[in-house]
C-alpha atoms as a PDB file:
ATOM      1  CA  UNK A   1      -8.878  47.745  10.233  1.00  0.00           C
ATOM      2  CA  UNK A   2      -8.417  50.489   8.024  1.00  0.00           C
ATOM      3  CA  UNK A   3     -10.482  53.212   7.956  1.00  0.00           C
ATOM      4  CA  UNK A   4     -11.115  55.000   4.685  1.00  0.00           C
ATOM      5  CA  UNK A   5     -11.421  58.681   4.265  1.00  0.00           C
ATOM      6  CA  UNK A   6     -14.315  60.883   3.049  1.00  0.00           C
ATOM      7  CA  UNK A   7     -14.419  60.636  -1.131  1.00  0.00           C
ATOM      8  CA  UNK A   8     -12.230  56.843  -0.793  1.00  0.00           C
ATOM      9  CA  UNK A   9     -13.245  53.820  -2.225  1.00  0.00           C
ATOM     10  CA  UNK A  10     -12.329  50.133  -2.232  1.00  0.00           C
ATOM     11  CA  UNK A  11     -11.778  48.594  -5.764  1.00  0.00           C
ATOM     12  CA  UNK A  12     -11.829  44.788  -5.537  1.00  0.00           C
ATOM     13  CA  UNK A  13     -10.251  42.705  -7.907  1.00  0.00           C
ATOM     14  CA  UNK A  14     -11.980  40.696 -10.703  1.00  0.00           C
ATOM     15  CA  UNK A  15      -9.694  38.229 -11.678  1.00  0.00           C
ATOM     16  CA  UNK A  16     -10.026  35.808 -14.954  1.00  0.00           C
ATOM     17  CA  UNK A  17     -12.041  32.455 -14.928  1.00  0.00           C
ATOM     18  CA  UNK A  18      -9.931  29.658 -15.029  1.00  0.00           C
ATOM     19  CA  UNK A  19     -12.659  28.006 -17.661  1.00  0.00           C
ATOM     20  CA  UNK A  20     -11.738  24.874 -18.861  1.00  0.00           C
ATOM     21  CA  UNK A  21      -8.199  25.004 -18.334  1.00  0.00           C
ATOM     22  CA  UNK A  22      -7.888  24.587 -14.676  1.00  0.00           C
ATOM     23  CA  UNK A  23      -8.958  20.170 -14.714  1.00  0.00           C
ATOM     24  CA  UNK A  24      -6.415  19.741 -17.577  1.00  0.00           C
ATOM     25  CA  UNK A  25      -3.265  21.758 -15.642  1.00  0.00           C
ATOM     26  CA  UNK A  26      -4.480  19.490 -12.797  1.00  0.00           C
ATOM     27  CA  UNK A  27      -4.802  16.210 -14.510  1.00  0.00           C
ATOM     28  CA  UNK A  28      -1.309  17.262 -16.035  1.00  0.00           C
ATOM     29  CA  UNK A  29       0.326  18.080 -12.775  1.00  0.00           C
ATOM     30  CA  UNK A  30      -0.939  14.912 -11.302  1.00  0.00           C
ATOM     31  CA  UNK A  31       0.185  12.886 -14.375  1.00  0.00           C
ATOM     32  CA  UNK A  32       3.843  14.195 -13.651  1.00  0.00           C
ATOM     33  CA  UNK A  33       3.310  13.232  -9.605  1.00  0.00           C
ATOM     34  CA  UNK A  34       2.395   9.820 -10.767  1.00  0.00           C
ATOM     35  CA  UNK A  35       5.694   9.754 -13.145  1.00  0.00           C
ATOM     36  CA  UNK A  36       8.241  10.459 -10.886  1.00  0.00           C
ATOM     37  CA  UNK A  37       6.647   8.248  -8.016  1.00  0.00           C
ATOM     38  CA  UNK A  38       6.642   5.408 -10.598  1.00  0.00           C
ATOM     39  CA  UNK A  39       3.128   4.301  -9.917  1.00  0.00           C
ATOM     40  CA  UNK A  40       0.005   4.560 -12.353  1.00  0.00           C
ATOM     41  CA  UNK A  41      -2.095   8.146 -12.916  1.00  0.00           C
ATOM     42  CA  UNK A  42      -5.162   6.239 -11.818  1.00  0.00           C
ATOM     43  CA  UNK A  43      -4.386   4.838  -8.712  1.00  0.00           C
ATOM     44  CA  UNK A  44      -2.667   8.163  -7.752  1.00  0.00           C
ATOM     45  CA  UNK A  45      -5.958  10.556  -8.484  1.00  0.00           C
ATOM     46  CA  UNK A  46      -8.532   7.935  -8.309  1.00  0.00           C
ATOM     47  CA  UNK A  47      -9.356   9.031 -11.867  1.00  0.00           C
ATOM     48  CA  UNK A  48     -10.305   6.264 -14.211  1.00  0.00           C
ATOM     49  CA  UNK A  49     -12.760   8.587 -16.574  1.00  0.00           C
ATOM     50  CA  UNK A  50     -10.042   8.596 -19.473  1.00  0.00           C
ATOM     51  CA  UNK A  51      -9.181   4.797 -19.138  1.00  0.00           C
ATOM     52  CA  UNK A  52     -10.686   1.648 -20.444  1.00  0.00           C
ATOM     53  CA  UNK A  53     -10.568  -1.905 -18.097  1.00  0.00           C
ATOM     54  CA  UNK A  54      -8.180  -3.484 -20.483  1.00  0.00           C
ATOM     55  CA  UNK A  55      -5.592  -0.666 -20.406  1.00  0.00           C
ATOM     56  CA  UNK A  56      -6.300   0.122 -16.430  1.00  0.00           C
ATOM     57  CA  UNK A  57      -5.753  -3.778 -15.873  1.00  0.00           C
ATOM     58  CA  UNK A  58      -2.657  -3.432 -17.839  1.00  0.00           C
ATOM     59  CA  UNK A  59      -1.072  -0.448 -16.210  1.00  0.00           C
ATOM     60  CA  UNK A  60      -2.363  -2.407 -12.125  1.00  0.00           C
ATOM     61  CA  UNK A  61      -0.441  -5.468 -13.202  1.00  0.00           C
ATOM     62  CA  UNK A  62       2.697  -3.762 -14.286  1.00  0.00           C
ATOM     63  CA  UNK A  63       2.443  -2.104 -10.968  1.00  0.00           C
ATOM     64  CA  UNK A  64       1.956  -5.087  -9.219  1.00  0.00           C
ATOM     65  CA  UNK A  65       5.093  -6.586 -11.026  1.00  0.00           C
ATOM     66  CA  UNK A  66       7.363  -3.750  -9.651  1.00  0.00           C
ATOM     67  CA  UNK A  67       5.997  -3.765  -6.554  1.00  0.00           C
ATOM     68  CA  UNK A  68       6.967  -7.597  -6.252  1.00  0.00           C
ATOM     69  CA  UNK A  69      10.512  -6.788  -8.121  1.00  0.00           C
ATOM     70  CA  UNK A  70      11.218  -4.331  -5.192  1.00  0.00           C
ATOM     71  CA  UNK A  71       9.830  -6.304  -2.298  1.00  0.00           C
ATOM     72  CA  UNK A  72      11.885 -10.074  -3.057  1.00  0.00           C
ATOM     73  CA  UNK A  73      15.016  -7.427  -3.987  1.00  0.00           C
ATOM     74  CA  UNK A  74      14.910  -4.904  -1.652  1.00  0.00           C
ATOM     75  CA  UNK A  75      12.973  -6.344   1.261  1.00  0.00           C
ATOM     76  CA  UNK A  76      13.307  -9.746   1.433  1.00  0.00           C
ATOM     77  CA  UNK A  77      16.974  -9.830   0.360  1.00  0.00           C
ATOM     78  CA  UNK A  78      18.275  -6.667   2.244  1.00  0.00           C
ATOM     79  CA  UNK A  79      16.053  -7.033   5.608  1.00  0.00           C
ATOM     80  CA  UNK A  80      14.539 -10.483   5.662  1.00  0.00           C
ATOM     81  CA  UNK A  81      17.847 -12.234   4.783  1.00  0.00           C
ATOM     82  CA  UNK A  82      20.085 -10.976   7.305  1.00  0.00           C
ATOM     83  CA  UNK A  83      17.700 -11.155  10.391  1.00  0.00           C
ATOM     84  CA  UNK A  84      16.655 -14.440   9.427  1.00  0.00           C
ATOM     85  CA  UNK A  85      20.555 -15.618   8.994  1.00  0.00           C
ATOM     86  CA  UNK A  86      21.018 -13.514  12.423  1.00  0.00           C
ATOM     87  CA  UNK A  87      18.337 -15.532  14.438  1.00  0.00           C
ATOM     88  CA  UNK A  88      18.938 -19.000  13.025  1.00  0.00           C
ATOM     89  CA  UNK A  89      22.391 -17.822  14.893  1.00  0.00           C
ATOM     90  CA  UNK A  90      21.006 -17.270  17.545  1.00  0.00           C
ATOM     91  CA  UNK A  91      18.859 -19.853  17.972  1.00  0.00           C
ATOM     92  CA  UNK A  92      21.327 -22.350  17.564  1.00  0.00           C
ATOM     93  CA  UNK A  93      23.350 -21.046  20.084  1.00  0.00           C
ATOM     94  CA  UNK A  94      20.920 -20.931  22.655  1.00  0.00           C
ATOM     95  CA  UNK A  95      20.280 -24.581  21.909  1.00  0.00           C
ATOM     96  CA  UNK A  96      16.451 -24.271  20.378  1.00  0.00           C
ATOM     97  CA  UNK A  97      17.821 -25.111  17.214  1.00  0.00           C
ATOM     98  CA  UNK A  98      20.245 -28.059  16.639  1.00  0.00           C
ATOM     99  CA  UNK A  99      23.209 -27.163  14.491  1.00  0.00           C
ATOM    100  CA  UNK A 100      23.420 -27.812  11.148  1.00  0.00           C
ATOM    101  CA  UNK A 101      23.409 -25.377   7.950  1.00  0.00           C
ATOM    102  CA  UNK A 102      20.198 -23.414   8.151  1.00  0.00           C
ATOM    103  CA  UNK A 103      19.952 -22.242   4.583  1.00  0.00           C
ATOM    104  CA  UNK A 104      17.639 -19.060   2.995  1.00  0.00           C
ATOM    105  CA  UNK A 105      14.026 -20.375   3.144  1.00  0.00           C
ATOM    106  CA  UNK A 106      11.659 -19.527   0.307  1.00  0.00           C
ATOM    107  CA  UNK A 107       9.462 -16.362   0.883  1.00  0.00           C
ATOM    108  CA  UNK A 108       5.558 -17.469   0.363  1.00  0.00           C
ATOM    109  CA  UNK A 109       3.031 -15.031   0.815  1.00  0.00           C
ATOM    110  CA  UNK A 110       0.339 -16.229   3.681  1.00  0.00           C
ATOM    111  CA  UNK A 111      -2.732 -15.713   1.734  1.00  0.00           C
ATOM    112  CA  UNK A 112      -1.546 -18.214  -1.008  1.00  0.00           C
ATOM    113  CA  UNK A 113      -0.585 -20.890   1.527  1.00  0.00           C
ATOM    114  CA  UNK A 114      -3.233 -23.266   2.166  1.00  0.00           C
ATOM    115  CA  UNK A 115      -2.525 -22.192   6.280  1.00  0.00           C
ATOM    116  CA  UNK A 116      -2.745 -18.313   5.070  1.00  0.00           C
ATOM    117  CA  UNK A 117      -6.417 -19.578   3.422  1.00  0.00           C
ATOM    118  CA  UNK A 118      -7.442 -21.480   6.362  1.00  0.00           C
ATOM    119  CA  UNK A 119      -6.628 -19.017   9.020  1.00  0.00           C
ATOM    120  CA  UNK A 120      -8.696 -16.025   6.628  1.00  0.00           C
ATOM    121  CA  UNK A 121     -11.608 -18.361   6.421  1.00  0.00           C
ATOM    122  CA  UNK A 122     -11.985 -19.175  10.240  1.00  0.00           C
ATOM    123  CA  UNK A 123     -11.069 -15.410  10.789  1.00  0.00           C
ATOM    124  CA  UNK A 124     -14.413 -14.210   8.456  1.00  0.00           C
ATOM    125  CA  UNK A 125     -16.660 -16.999   9.782  1.00  0.00           C
ATOM    126  CA  UNK A 126     -15.644 -16.715  13.014  1.00  0.00           C
ATOM    127  CA  UNK A 127     -16.424 -12.865  13.285  1.00  0.00           C
ATOM    128  CA  UNK A 128     -19.595 -13.336  11.348  1.00  0.00           C
ATOM    129  CA  UNK A 129     -20.756 -16.121  13.922  1.00  0.00           C
ATOM    130  CA  UNK A 130     -18.839 -14.593  17.229  1.00  0.00           C
ATOM    131  CA  UNK A 131     -18.606 -10.942  16.739  1.00  0.00           C
ATOM    132  CA  UNK A 132     -15.697  -8.920  17.741  1.00  0.00           C
ATOM    133  CA  UNK A 133     -14.942 -10.255  21.189  1.00  0.00           C
ATOM    134  CA  UNK A 134     -11.287 -11.340  21.459  1.00  0.00           C
ATOM    135  CA  UNK A 135     -11.561 -14.015  24.424  1.00  0.00           C
ATOM    136  CA  UNK A 136     -13.745 -15.666  21.925  1.00  0.00           C
ATOM    137  CA  UNK A 137     -11.983 -14.618  18.726  1.00  0.00           C
ATOM    138  CA  UNK A 138      -8.763 -16.757  20.203  1.00  0.00           C
ATOM    139  CA  UNK A 139     -10.908 -19.661  21.526  1.00  0.00           C
ATOM    140  CA  UNK A 140     -12.351 -19.988  18.237  1.00  0.00           C
ATOM    141  CA  UNK A 141      -8.700 -19.365  16.423  1.00  0.00           C
ATOM    142  CA  UNK A 142      -7.397 -21.907  18.699  1.00  0.00           C
ATOM    143  CA  UNK A 143      -9.538 -24.354  19.794  1.00  0.00           C
END
């Protein structure tokens, strides 16, 4: 702690008020960040005050298309495909699968398939009826 001598005073600074320029500044910074990340500003900030329903939906659909492209070309092709090929080779070598050619499989979003919808329906209705007990839920799903 600094002690002042007799007759000394402390002058506190009085910075100027940022006023109405702060919010546009932050909005511009968030827009720049969203642009650099390749995502819509509204998803990054949660601020939907300056978009209409149509323009917000258009941005969201375009972003989903971009994600699906990345998902297919990067995740499926570069990760899932080599894993599938190695797994089928090991399964054939172990005698679990019969010998043969196991070509690439078509990737299906689980919730778009009938089994995915059934699983989701059963899990939701099971939780409503029986609570979240793991033993009861396993019996409900598999029984």
